[in-house]
Amino acid sequence: GTVLAVLDAARHPPQALADALALEVVLDEDGKFMAGREVTSRDLHDAQ
């Protein structure tokens, strides 16, 4: 369920991107980085 753009890390460091997008860093160790933020959470009614 994920769609991604693959960027050059030298030009766009992950921490800088996370800061610019106000993301919560959940992993930053051993060369691995992961940050995220929930943008949408809404109720939907399935009529069927």
ModelCIF file with pLDDT and N, C-alpha, C, O atoms, coordinates in Angstrom:
data_MODEL
#
_entry.id   MODEL 
#
_entity.id                         1 
_entity.type                       polymer 
_entity.pdbx_number_of_molecules   1 
#
_entity_poly.entity_id                      1 
_entity_poly.type                           'polypeptide(L)' 
_entity_poly.nstd_linkage                   no 
_entity_poly.nstd_monomer                   no 
_entity_poly.pdbx_seq_one_letter_code       GTVLAVLDAARHPPQALADALALEVVLDEDGKFMAGREVTSRDLHDAQ 
_entity_poly.pdbx_seq_one_letter_code_can   GTVLAVLDAARHPPQALADALALEVVLDEDGKFMAGREVTSRDLHDAQ 
_entity_poly.pdbx_strand_id                 A 
#
loop_
_entity_poly_seq.entity_id 
_entity_poly_seq.num 
_entity_poly_seq.mon_id 
_entity_poly_seq.hetero 
1 1  GLY n 
1 2  THR n 
1 3  VAL n 
1 4  LEU n 
1 5  ALA n 
1 6  VAL n 
1 7  LEU n 
1 8  ASP n 
1 9  ALA n 
1 10 ALA n 
1 11 ARG n 
1 12 HIS n 
1 13 PRO n 
1 14 PRO n 
1 15 GLN n 
1 16 ALA n 
1 17 LEU n 
1 18 ALA n 
1 19 ASP n 
1 20 ALA n 
1 21 LEU n 
1 22 ALA n 
1 23 LEU n 
1 24 GLU n 
1 25 VAL n 
1 26 VAL n 
1 27 LEU n 
1 28 ASP n 
1 29 GLU n 
1 30 ASP n 
1 31 GLY n 
1 32 LYS n 
1 33 PHE n 
1 34 MET n 
1 35 ALA n 
1 36 GLY n 
1 37 ARG n 
1 38 GLU n 
1 39 VAL n 
1 40 THR n 
1 41 SER n 
1 42 ARG n 
1 43 ASP n 
1 44 LEU n 
1 45 HIS n 
1 46 ASP n 
1 47 ALA n 
1 48 GLN n 
#
_struct_asym.id          A 
_struct_asym.entity_id   1 
#
loop_
_ma_qa_metric.id 
_ma_qa_metric.mode 
_ma_qa_metric.name 
_ma_qa_metric.software_group_id 
_ma_qa_metric.type 
1 global pLDDT . pLDDT 
2 local  pLDDT . pLDDT 
#
_ma_qa_metric_global.metric_id      1 
_ma_qa_metric_global.metric_value   94.73 
_ma_qa_metric_global.model_id       1 
_ma_qa_metric_global.ordinal_id     1 
#
loop_
_ma_qa_metric_local.label_asym_id 
_ma_qa_metric_local.label_comp_id 
_ma_qa_metric_local.label_seq_id 
_ma_qa_metric_local.metric_id 
_ma_qa_metric_local.metric_value 
_ma_qa_metric_local.model_id 
_ma_qa_metric_local.ordinal_id 
A GLY 1  2 95.00 1 1  
A THR 2  2 97.00 1 2  
A VAL 3  2 98.00 1 3  
A LEU 4  2 98.00 1 4  
A ALA 5  2 98.00 1 5  
A VAL 6  2 98.00 1 6  
A LEU 7  2 97.00 1 7  
A ASP 8  2 96.00 1 8  
A ALA 9  2 96.00 1 9  
A ALA 10 2 95.00 1 10 
A ARG 11 2 95.00 1 11 
A HIS 12 2 96.00 1 12 
A PRO 13 2 96.00 1 13 
A PRO 14 2 97.00 1 14 
A GLN 15 2 97.00 1 15 
A ALA 16 2 96.00 1 16 
A LEU 17 2 96.00 1 17 
A ALA 18 2 97.00 1 18 
A ASP 19 2 97.00 1 19 
A ALA 20 2 96.00 1 20 
A LEU 21 2 97.00 1 21 
A ALA 22 2 97.00 1 22 
A LEU 23 2 98.00 1 23 
A GLU 24 2 98.00 1 24 
A VAL 25 2 98.00 1 25 
A VAL 26 2 97.00 1 26 
A LEU 27 2 96.00 1 27 
A ASP 28 2 97.00 1 28 
A GLU 29 2 95.00 1 29 
A ASP 30 2 91.00 1 30 
A GLY 31 2 89.00 1 31 
A LYS 32 2 95.00 1 32 
A PHE 33 2 98.00 1 33 
A MET 34 2 98.00 1 34 
A ALA 35 2 98.00 1 35 
A GLY 36 2 98.00 1 36 
A ARG 37 2 98.00 1 37 
A GLU 38 2 97.00 1 38 
A VAL 39 2 97.00 1 39 
A THR 40 2 94.00 1 40 
A SER 41 2 94.00 1 41 
A ARG 42 2 92.00 1 42 
A ASP 43 2 92.00 1 43 
A LEU 44 2 86.00 1 44 
A HIS 45 2 81.00 1 45 
A ASP 46 2 80.00 1 46 
A ALA 47 2 81.00 1 47 
A GLN 48 2 84.00 1 48 
#
loop_
_atom_site.group_PDB 
_atom_site.id 
_atom_site.type_symbol 
_atom_site.label_atom_id 
_atom_site.label_alt_id 
_atom_site.label_comp_id 
_atom_site.label_asym_id 
_atom_site.label_entity_id 
_atom_site.label_seq_id 
_atom_site.pdbx_PDB_ins_code 
_atom_site.Cartn_x 
_atom_site.Cartn_y 
_atom_site.Cartn_z 
_atom_site.occupancy 
_atom_site.B_iso_or_equiv 
_atom_site.pdbx_formal_charge 
_atom_site.auth_seq_id 
_atom_site.auth_comp_id 
_atom_site.auth_asym_id 
_atom_site.auth_atom_id 
_atom_site.pdbx_PDB_model_num 
ATOM 1   N N  . GLY A 1 1  ? 0.799   -1.220 0.000  1.00 95.00 ? 1  GLY A N  1 
ATOM 2   C CA . GLY A 1 1  ? 0.000   0.000  0.000  1.00 95.00 ? 1  GLY A CA 1 
ATOM 3   C C  . GLY A 1 1  ? 0.826   1.261  0.000  1.00 95.00 ? 1  GLY A C  1 
ATOM 4   O O  . GLY A 1 1  ? 0.324   2.332  0.340  1.00 95.00 ? 1  GLY A O  1 
ATOM 5   N N  . THR A 1 2  ? 2.104   1.151  -0.382 1.00 97.00 ? 2  THR A N  1 
ATOM 6   C CA . THR A 1 2  ? 3.005   2.291  -0.329 1.00 97.00 ? 2  THR A CA 1 
ATOM 7   C C  . THR A 1 2  ? 3.521   2.652  -1.712 1.00 97.00 ? 2  THR A C  1 
ATOM 8   O O  . THR A 1 2  ? 3.903   1.770  -2.482 1.00 97.00 ? 2  THR A O  1 
ATOM 9   N N  . VAL A 1 3  ? 3.536   3.944  -2.033 1.00 98.00 ? 3  VAL A N  1 
ATOM 10  C CA . VAL A 1 3  ? 4.127   4.429  -3.284 1.00 98.00 ? 3  VAL A CA 1 
ATOM 11  C C  . VAL A 1 3  ? 5.249   5.394  -2.910 1.00 98.00 ? 3  VAL A C  1 
ATOM 12  O O  . VAL A 1 3  ? 5.073   6.274  -2.067 1.00 98.00 ? 3  VAL A O  1 
ATOM 13  N N  . LEU A 1 4  ? 6.412   5.212  -3.554 1.00 98.00 ? 4  LEU A N  1 
ATOM 14  C CA . LEU A 1 4  ? 7.631   5.880  -3.129 1.00 98.00 ? 4  LEU A CA 1 
ATOM 15  C C  . LEU A 1 4  ? 8.353   6.561  -4.286 1.00 98.00 ? 4  LEU A C  1 
ATOM 16  O O  . LEU A 1 4  ? 8.339   6.072  -5.415 1.00 98.00 ? 4  LEU A O  1 
ATOM 17  N N  . ALA A 1 5  ? 8.974   7.680  -3.993 1.00 98.00 ? 5  ALA A N  1 
ATOM 18  C CA . ALA A 1 5  ? 9.939   8.293  -4.892 1.00 98.00 ? 5  ALA A CA 1 
ATOM 19  C C  . ALA A 1 5  ? 11.320  7.913  -4.385 1.00 98.00 ? 5  ALA A C  1 
ATOM 20  O O  . ALA A 1 5  ? 11.581  7.954  -3.183 1.00 98.00 ? 5  ALA A O  1 
ATOM 21  N N  . VAL A 1 6  ? 12.208  7.542  -5.310 1.00 98.00 ? 6  VAL A N  1 
ATOM 22  C CA . VAL A 1 6  ? 13.571  7.145  -4.950 1.00 98.00 ? 6  VAL A CA 1 
ATOM 23  C C  . VAL A 1 6  ? 14.492  8.330  -5.237 1.00 98.00 ? 6  VAL A C  1 
ATOM 24  O O  . VAL A 1 6  ? 14.689  8.711  -6.391 1.00 98.00 ? 6  VAL A O  1 
ATOM 25  N N  . LEU A 1 7  ? 15.052  8.906  -4.171 1.00 97.00 ? 7  LEU A N  1 
ATOM 26  C CA . LEU A 1 7  ? 15.848  10.125 -4.290 1.00 97.00 ? 7  LEU A CA 1 
ATOM 27  C C  . LEU A 1 7  ? 17.320  9.861  -3.976 1.00 97.00 ? 7  LEU A C  1 
ATOM 28  O O  . LEU A 1 7  ? 17.668  8.854  -3.360 1.00 97.00 ? 7  LEU A O  1 
ATOM 29  N N  . ASP A 1 8  ? 18.172  10.785 -4.412 1.00 96.00 ? 8  ASP A N  1 
ATOM 30  C CA . ASP A 1 8  ? 19.596  10.733 -4.127 1.00 96.00 ? 8  ASP A CA 1 
ATOM 31  C C  . ASP A 1 8  ? 19.822  11.201 -2.687 1.00 96.00 ? 8  ASP A C  1 
ATOM 32  O O  . ASP A 1 8  ? 19.533  12.351 -2.354 1.00 96.00 ? 8  ASP A O  1 
ATOM 33  N N  . ALA A 1 9  ? 20.340  10.308 -1.832 1.00 96.00 ? 9  ALA A N  1 
ATOM 34  C CA . ALA A 1 9  ? 20.511  10.638 -0.419 1.00 96.00 ? 9  ALA A CA 1 
ATOM 35  C C  . ALA A 1 9  ? 21.572  11.716 -0.204 1.00 96.00 ? 9  ALA A C  1 
ATOM 36  O O  . ALA A 1 9  ? 21.501  12.461 0.773  1.00 96.00 ? 9  ALA A O  1 
ATOM 37  N N  . ALA A 1 10 ? 22.550  11.809 -1.096 1.00 95.00 ? 10 ALA A N  1 
ATOM 38  C CA . ALA A 1 10 ? 23.585  12.835 -0.936 1.00 95.00 ? 10 ALA A CA 1 
ATOM 39  C C  . ALA A 1 10 ? 22.991  14.233 -1.103 1.00 95.00 ? 10 ALA A C  1 
ATOM 40  O O  . ALA A 1 10 ? 23.381  15.166 -0.402 1.00 95.00 ? 10 ALA A O  1 
ATOM 41  N N  . ARG A 1 11 ? 22.057  14.371 -2.025 1.00 95.00 ? 11 ARG A N  1 
ATOM 42  C CA . ARG A 1 11 ? 21.406  15.669 -2.245 1.00 95.00 ? 11 ARG A CA 1 
ATOM 43  C C  . ARG A 1 11 ? 20.251  15.908 -1.287 1.00 95.00 ? 11 ARG A C  1 
ATOM 44  O O  . ARG A 1 11 ? 19.919  17.051 -0.970 1.00 95.00 ? 11 ARG A O  1 
ATOM 45  N N  . HIS A 1 12 ? 19.645  14.825 -0.831 1.00 96.00 ? 12 HIS A N  1 
ATOM 46  C CA . HIS A 1 12 ? 18.462  14.935 0.031  1.00 96.00 ? 12 HIS A CA 1 
ATOM 47  C C  . HIS A 1 12 ? 18.631  13.986 1.222  1.00 96.00 ? 12 HIS A C  1 
ATOM 48  O O  . HIS A 1 12 ? 18.021  12.917 1.254  1.00 96.00 ? 12 HIS A O  1 
ATOM 49  N N  . PRO A 1 13 ? 19.452  14.370 2.194  1.00 96.00 ? 13 PRO A N  1 
ATOM 50  C CA . PRO A 1 13 ? 19.681  13.511 3.359  1.00 96.00 ? 13 PRO A CA 1 
ATOM 51  C C  . PRO A 1 13 ? 18.367  13.180 4.066  1.00 96.00 ? 13 PRO A C  1 
ATOM 52  O O  . PRO A 1 13 ? 17.501  14.044 4.197  1.00 96.00 ? 13 PRO A O  1 
ATOM 53  N N  . PRO A 1 14 ? 18.213  11.935 4.522  1.00 97.00 ? 14 PRO A N  1 
ATOM 54  C CA . PRO A 1 14 ? 16.939  11.543 5.134  1.00 97.00 ? 14 PRO A CA 1 
ATOM 55  C C  . PRO A 1 14 ? 16.540  12.381 6.339  1.00 97.00 ? 14 PRO A C  1 
ATOM 56  O O  . PRO A 1 14 ? 15.362  12.696 6.508  1.00 97.00 ? 14 PRO A O  1 
ATOM 57  N N  . GLN A 1 15 ? 17.515  12.750 7.189  1.00 97.00 ? 15 GLN A N  1 
ATOM 58  C CA . GLN A 1 15 ? 17.165  13.557 8.362  1.00 97.00 ? 15 GLN A CA 1 
ATOM 59  C C  . GLN A 1 15 ? 16.659  14.931 7.941  1.00 97.00 ? 15 GLN A C  1 
ATOM 60  O O  . GLN A 1 15 ? 15.722  15.459 8.539  1.00 97.00 ? 15 GLN A O  1 
ATOM 61  N N  . ALA A 1 16 ? 17.278  15.511 6.910  1.00 96.00 ? 16 ALA A N  1 
ATOM 62  C CA . ALA A 1 16 ? 16.833  16.820 6.436  1.00 96.00 ? 16 ALA A CA 1 
ATOM 63  C C  . ALA A 1 16 ? 15.424  16.744 5.864  1.00 96.00 ? 16 ALA A C  1 
ATOM 64  O O  . ALA A 1 16 ? 14.610  17.639 6.089  1.00 96.00 ? 16 ALA A O  1 
ATOM 65  N N  . LEU A 1 17 ? 15.136  15.673 5.121  1.00 96.00 ? 17 LEU A N  1 
ATOM 66  C CA . LEU A 1 17 ? 13.783  15.495 4.591  1.00 96.00 ? 17 LEU A CA 1 
ATOM 67  C C  . LEU A 1 17 ? 12.780  15.329 5.727  1.00 96.00 ? 17 LEU A C  1 
ATOM 68  O O  . LEU A 1 17 ? 11.705  15.929 5.707  1.00 96.00 ? 17 LEU A O  1 
ATOM 69  N N  . ALA A 1 18 ? 13.136  14.507 6.719  1.00 97.00 ? 18 ALA A N  1 
ATOM 70  C CA . ALA A 1 18 ? 12.235  14.283 7.856  1.00 97.00 ? 18 ALA A CA 1 
ATOM 71  C C  . ALA A 1 18 ? 11.966  15.587 8.595  1.00 97.00 ? 18 ALA A C  1 
ATOM 72  O O  . ALA A 1 18 ? 10.830  15.852 8.990  1.00 97.00 ? 18 ALA A O  1 
ATOM 73  N N  . ASP A 1 19 ? 12.990  16.397 8.784  1.00 97.00 ? 19 ASP A N  1 
ATOM 74  C CA . ASP A 1 19 ? 12.811  17.687 9.468  1.00 97.00 ? 19 ASP A CA 1 
ATOM 75  C C  . ASP A 1 19 ? 11.892  18.601 8.662  1.00 97.00 ? 19 ASP A C  1 
ATOM 76  O O  . ASP A 1 19 ? 11.002  19.244 9.218  1.00 97.00 ? 19 ASP A O  1 
ATOM 77  N N  . ALA A 1 20 ? 12.115  18.652 7.346  1.00 96.00 ? 20 ALA A N  1 
ATOM 78  C CA . ALA A 1 20 ? 11.315  19.536 6.499  1.00 96.00 ? 20 ALA A CA 1 
ATOM 79  C C  . ALA A 1 20 ? 9.846   19.130 6.490  1.00 96.00 ? 20 ALA A C  1 
ATOM 80  O O  . ALA A 1 20 ? 8.965   19.977 6.338  1.00 96.00 ? 20 ALA A O  1 
ATOM 81  N N  . LEU A 1 21 ? 9.582   17.826 6.654  1.00 97.00 ? 21 LEU A N  1 
ATOM 82  C CA . LEU A 1 21 ? 8.211   17.314 6.601  1.00 97.00 ? 21 LEU A CA 1 
ATOM 83  C C  . LEU A 1 21 ? 7.608   17.106 7.986  1.00 97.00 ? 21 LEU A C  1 
ATOM 84  O O  . LEU A 1 21 ? 6.487   16.611 8.109  1.00 97.00 ? 21 LEU A O  1 
ATOM 85  N N  . ALA A 1 22 ? 8.349   17.485 9.033  1.00 97.00 ? 22 ALA A N  1 
ATOM 86  C CA . ALA A 1 22 ? 7.887   17.340 10.415 1.00 97.00 ? 22 ALA A CA 1 
ATOM 87  C C  . ALA A 1 22 ? 7.535   15.895 10.732 1.00 97.00 ? 22 ALA A C  1 
ATOM 88  O O  . ALA A 1 22 ? 6.478   15.615 11.298 1.00 97.00 ? 22 ALA A O  1 
ATOM 89  N N  . LEU A 1 23 ? 8.427   14.976 10.364 1.00 98.00 ? 23 LEU A N  1 
ATOM 90  C CA . LEU A 1 23 ? 8.193   13.554 10.610 1.00 98.00 ? 23 LEU A CA 1 
ATOM 91  C C  . LEU A 1 23 ? 8.839   13.123 11.929 1.00 98.00 ? 23 LEU A C  1 
ATOM 92  O O  . LEU A 1 23 ? 9.833   13.700 12.370 1.00 98.00 ? 23 LEU A O  1 
ATOM 93  N N  . GLU A 1 24 ? 8.253   12.101 12.544 1.00 98.00 ? 24 GLU A N  1 
ATOM 94  C CA . GLU A 1 24 ? 8.797   11.525 13.771 1.00 98.00 ? 24 GLU A CA 1 
ATOM 95  C C  . GLU A 1 24 ? 9.814   10.449 13.395 1.00 98.00 ? 24 GLU A C  1 
ATOM 96  O O  . GLU A 1 24 ? 9.482   9.498  12.688 1.00 98.00 ? 24 GLU A O  1 
ATOM 97  N N  . VAL A 1 25 ? 11.033  10.599 13.860 1.00 98.00 ? 25 VAL A N  1 
ATOM 98  C CA . VAL A 1 25 ? 12.073  9.603  13.582 1.00 98.00 ? 25 VAL A CA 1 
ATOM 99  C C  . VAL A 1 25 ? 11.881  8.410  14.516 1.00 98.00 ? 25 VAL A C  1 
ATOM 100 O O  . VAL A 1 25 ? 11.846  8.570  15.736 1.00 98.00 ? 25 VAL A O  1 
ATOM 101 N N  . VAL A 1 26 ? 11.758  7.215  13.936 1.00 97.00 ? 26 VAL A N  1 
ATOM 102 C CA . VAL A 1 26 ? 11.560  6.015  14.744 1.00 97.00 ? 26 VAL A CA 1 
ATOM 103 C C  . VAL A 1 26 ? 12.741  5.057  14.645 1.00 97.00 ? 26 VAL A C  1 
ATOM 104 O O  . VAL A 1 26 ? 12.829  4.102  15.417 1.00 97.00 ? 26 VAL A O  1 
ATOM 105 N N  . LEU A 1 27 ? 13.639  5.298  13.711 1.00 96.00 ? 27 LEU A N  1 
ATOM 106 C CA . LEU A 1 27 ? 14.834  4.470  13.589 1.00 96.00 ? 27 LEU A CA 1 
ATOM 107 C C  . LEU A 1 27 ? 15.935  5.290  12.930 1.00 96.00 ? 27 LEU A C  1 
ATOM 108 O O  . LEU A 1 27 ? 15.741  5.874  11.864 1.00 96.00 ? 27 LEU A O  1 
ATOM 109 N N  . ASP A 1 28 ? 17.094  5.324  13.584 1.00 97.00 ? 28 ASP A N  1 
ATOM 110 C CA . ASP A 1 28 ? 18.261  6.015  13.021 1.00 97.00 ? 28 ASP A CA 1 
ATOM 111 C C  . ASP A 1 28 ? 19.504  5.394  13.636 1.00 97.00 ? 28 ASP A C  1 
ATOM 112 O O  . ASP A 1 28 ? 20.093  5.937  14.571 1.00 97.00 ? 28 ASP A O  1 
ATOM 113 N N  . GLU A 1 29 ? 19.891  4.250  13.095 1.00 95.00 ? 29 GLU A N  1 
ATOM 114 C CA . GLU A 1 29 ? 21.063  3.553  13.607 1.00 95.00 ? 29 GLU A CA 1 
ATOM 115 C C  . GLU A 1 29 ? 21.580  2.559  12.576 1.00 95.00 ? 29 GLU A C  1 
ATOM 116 O O  . GLU A 1 29 ? 20.818  2.049  11.754 1.00 95.00 ? 29 GLU A O  1 
ATOM 117 N N  . ASP A 1 30 ? 22.874  2.291  12.627 1.00 91.00 ? 30 ASP A N  1 
ATOM 118 C CA . ASP A 1 30 ? 23.520  1.316  11.740 1.00 91.00 ? 30 ASP A CA 1 
ATOM 119 C C  . ASP A 1 30 ? 23.213  1.587  10.273 1.00 91.00 ? 30 ASP A C  1 
ATOM 120 O O  . ASP A 1 30 ? 23.036  0.658  9.485  1.00 91.00 ? 30 ASP A O  1 
ATOM 121 N N  . GLY A 1 31 ? 23.151  2.861  9.913  1.00 89.00 ? 31 GLY A N  1 
ATOM 122 C CA . GLY A 1 31 ? 22.908  3.213  8.516  1.00 89.00 ? 31 GLY A CA 1 
ATOM 123 C C  . GLY A 1 31 ? 21.470  3.094  8.073  1.00 89.00 ? 31 GLY A C  1 
ATOM 124 O O  . GLY A 1 31 ? 21.168  3.329  6.903  1.00 89.00 ? 31 GLY A O  1 
ATOM 125 N N  . LYS A 1 32 ? 20.568  2.735  8.979  1.00 95.00 ? 32 LYS A N  1 
ATOM 126 C CA . LYS A 1 32 ? 19.154  2.625  8.644  1.00 95.00 ? 32 LYS A CA 1 
ATOM 127 C C  . LYS A 1 32 ? 18.389  3.814  9.227  1.00 95.00 ? 32 LYS A C  1 
ATOM 128 O O  . LYS A 1 32 ? 18.657  4.263  10.342 1.00 95.00 ? 32 LYS A O  1 
ATOM 129 N N  . PHE A 1 33 ? 17.447  4.301  8.454  1.00 98.00 ? 33 PHE A N  1 
ATOM 130 C CA . PHE A 1 33 ? 16.668  5.478  8.881  1.00 98.00 ? 33 PHE A CA 1 
ATOM 131 C C  . PHE A 1 33 ? 15.212  5.267  8.515  1.00 98.00 ? 33 PHE A C  1 
ATOM 132 O O  . PHE A 1 33 ? 14.893  4.789  7.426  1.00 98.00 ? 33 PHE A O  1 
ATOM 133 N N  . MET A 1 34 ? 14.333  5.630  9.438  1.00 98.00 ? 34 MET A N  1 
ATOM 134 C CA . MET A 1 34 ? 12.895  5.580  9.159  1.00 98.00 ? 34 MET A CA 1 
ATOM 135 C C  . MET A 1 34 ? 12.188  6.640  9.985  1.00 98.00 ? 34 MET A C  1 
ATOM 136 O O  . MET A 1 34 ? 12.399  6.749  11.193 1.00 98.00 ? 34 MET A O  1 
ATOM 137 N N  . ALA A 1 35 ? 11.349  7.416  9.322  1.00 98.00 ? 35 ALA A N  1 
ATOM 138 C CA . ALA A 1 35 ? 10.573  8.447  9.994  1.00 98.00 ? 35 ALA A CA 1 
ATOM 139 C C  . ALA A 1 35 ? 9.204   8.531  9.339  1.00 98.00 ? 35 ALA A C  1 
ATOM 140 O O  . ALA A 1 35 ? 9.061   8.217  8.157  1.00 98.00 ? 35 ALA A O  1 
ATOM 141 N N  . GLY A 1 36 ? 8.197   8.950  10.097 1.00 98.00 ? 36 GLY A N  1 
ATOM 142 C CA . GLY A 1 36 ? 6.860   9.013  9.518  1.00 98.00 ? 36 GLY A CA 1 
ATOM 143 C C  . GLY A 1 36 ? 5.916   9.905  10.302 1.00 98.00 ? 36 GLY A C  1 
ATOM 144 O O  . GLY A 1 36 ? 6.195   10.312 11.429 1.00 98.00 ? 36 GLY A O  1 
ATOM 145 N N  . ARG A 1 37 ? 4.806   10.189 9.678  1.00 98.00 ? 37 ARG A N  1 
ATOM 146 C CA . ARG A 1 37 ? 3.756   10.992 10.316 1.00 98.00 ? 37 ARG A CA 1 
ATOM 147 C C  . ARG A 1 37 ? 2.420   10.661 9.647  1.00 98.00 ? 37 ARG A C  1 
ATOM 148 O O  . ARG A 1 37 ? 2.322   10.618 8.421  1.00 98.00 ? 37 ARG A O  1 
ATOM 149 N N  . GLU A 1 38 ? 1.400   10.430 10.466 1.00 97.00 ? 38 GLU A N  1 
ATOM 150 C CA . GLU A 1 38 ? 0.072   10.177 9.913  1.00 97.00 ? 38 GLU A CA 1 
ATOM 151 C C  . GLU A 1 38 ? -0.525  11.500 9.442  1.00 97.00 ? 38 GLU A C  1 
ATOM 152 O O  . GLU A 1 38 ? -0.697  12.438 10.220 1.00 97.00 ? 38 GLU A O  1 
ATOM 153 N N  . VAL A 1 39 ? -0.833  11.549 8.160  1.00 97.00 ? 39 VAL A N  1 
ATOM 154 C CA . VAL A 1 39 ? -1.367  12.764 7.548  1.00 97.00 ? 39 VAL A CA 1 
ATOM 155 C C  . VAL A 1 39 ? -2.884  12.725 7.522  1.00 97.00 ? 39 VAL A C  1 
ATOM 156 O O  . VAL A 1 39 ? -3.540  13.750 7.710  1.00 97.00 ? 39 VAL A O  1 
ATOM 157 N N  . THR A 1 40 ? -3.443  11.543 7.289  1.00 94.00 ? 40 THR A N  1 
ATOM 158 C CA . THR A 1 40 ? -4.895  11.392 7.179  1.00 94.00 ? 40 THR A CA 1 
ATOM 159 C C  . THR A 1 40 ? -5.376  10.238 8.042  1.00 94.00 ? 40 THR A C  1 
ATOM 160 O O  . THR A 1 40 ? -4.778  9.162  8.041  1.00 94.00 ? 40 THR A O  1 
ATOM 161 N N  . SER A 1 41 ? -6.447  10.461 8.772  1.00 94.00 ? 41 SER A N  1 
ATOM 162 C CA . SER A 1 41 ? -7.145  9.396  9.481  1.00 94.00 ? 41 SER A CA 1 
ATOM 163 C C  . SER A 1 41 ? -8.613  9.792  9.526  1.00 94.00 ? 41 SER A C  1 
ATOM 164 O O  . SER A 1 41 ? -8.994  10.713 10.248 1.00 94.00 ? 41 SER A O  1 
ATOM 165 N N  . ARG A 1 42 ? -9.435  9.090  8.748  1.00 92.00 ? 42 ARG A N  1 
ATOM 166 C CA . ARG A 1 42 ? -10.843 9.485  8.685  1.00 92.00 ? 42 ARG A CA 1 
ATOM 167 C C  . ARG A 1 42 ? -11.729 8.258  8.546  1.00 92.00 ? 42 ARG A C  1 
ATOM 168 O O  . ARG A 1 42 ? -11.304 7.213  8.051  1.00 92.00 ? 42 ARG A O  1 
ATOM 169 N N  . ASP A 1 43 ? -12.961 8.407  8.992  1.00 92.00 ? 43 ASP A N  1 
ATOM 170 C CA . ASP A 1 43 ? -13.939 7.327  8.914  1.00 92.00 ? 43 ASP A CA 1 
ATOM 171 C C  . ASP A 1 43 ? -14.594 7.291  7.540  1.00 92.00 ? 43 ASP A C  1 
ATOM 172 O O  . ASP A 1 43 ? -14.909 8.329  6.958  1.00 92.00 ? 43 ASP A O  1 
ATOM 173 N N  . LEU A 1 44 ? -14.790 6.094  7.039  1.00 86.00 ? 44 LEU A N  1 
ATOM 174 C CA . LEU A 1 44 ? -15.501 5.894  5.784  1.00 86.00 ? 44 LEU A CA 1 
ATOM 175 C C  . LEU A 1 44 ? -16.593 4.860  6.007  1.00 86.00 ? 44 LEU A C  1 
ATOM 176 O O  . LEU A 1 44 ? -16.398 3.873  6.717  1.00 86.00 ? 44 LEU A O  1 
ATOM 177 N N  . HIS A 1 45 ? -17.734 5.097  5.396  1.00 81.00 ? 45 HIS A N  1 
ATOM 178 C CA . HIS A 1 45 ? -18.839 4.140  5.499  1.00 81.00 ? 45 HIS A CA 1 
ATOM 179 C C  . HIS A 1 45 ? -18.906 3.318  4.228  1.00 81.00 ? 45 HIS A C  1 
ATOM 180 O O  . HIS A 1 45 ? -19.064 3.861  3.135  1.00 81.00 ? 45 HIS A O  1 
ATOM 181 N N  . ASP A 1 46 ? -18.786 2.003  4.374  1.00 80.00 ? 46 ASP A N  1 
ATOM 182 C CA . ASP A 1 46 ? -18.893 1.093  3.245  1.00 80.00 ? 46 ASP A CA 1 
ATOM 183 C C  . ASP A 1 46 ? -20.372 0.760  3.059  1.00 80.00 ? 46 ASP A C  1 
ATOM 184 O O  . ASP A 1 46 ? -20.942 -0.023 3.820  1.00 80.00 ? 46 ASP A O  1 
ATOM 185 N N  . ALA A 1 47 ? -20.981 1.358  2.046  1.00 81.00 ? 47 ALA A N  1 
ATOM 186 C CA . ALA A 1 47 ? -22.420 1.182  1.832  1.00 81.00 ? 47 ALA A CA 1 
ATOM 187 C C  . ALA A 1 47 ? -22.775 -0.274 1.544  1.00 81.00 ? 47 ALA A C  1 
ATOM 188 O O  . ALA A 1 47 ? -23.882 -0.708 1.864  1.00 81.00 ? 47 ALA A O  1 
ATOM 189 N N  . GLN A 1 48 ? -21.866 -1.029 0.953  1.00 84.00 ? 48 GLN A N  1 
ATOM 190 C CA . GLN A 1 48 ? -22.173 -2.413 0.586  1.00 84.00 ? 48 GLN A CA 1 
ATOM 191 C C  . GLN A 1 48 ? -22.231 -3.326 1.804  1.00 84.00 ? 48 GLN A C  1 
ATOM 192 O O  . GLN A 1 48 ? -22.479 -4.524 1.666  1.00 84.00 ? 48 GLN A O  1 
#
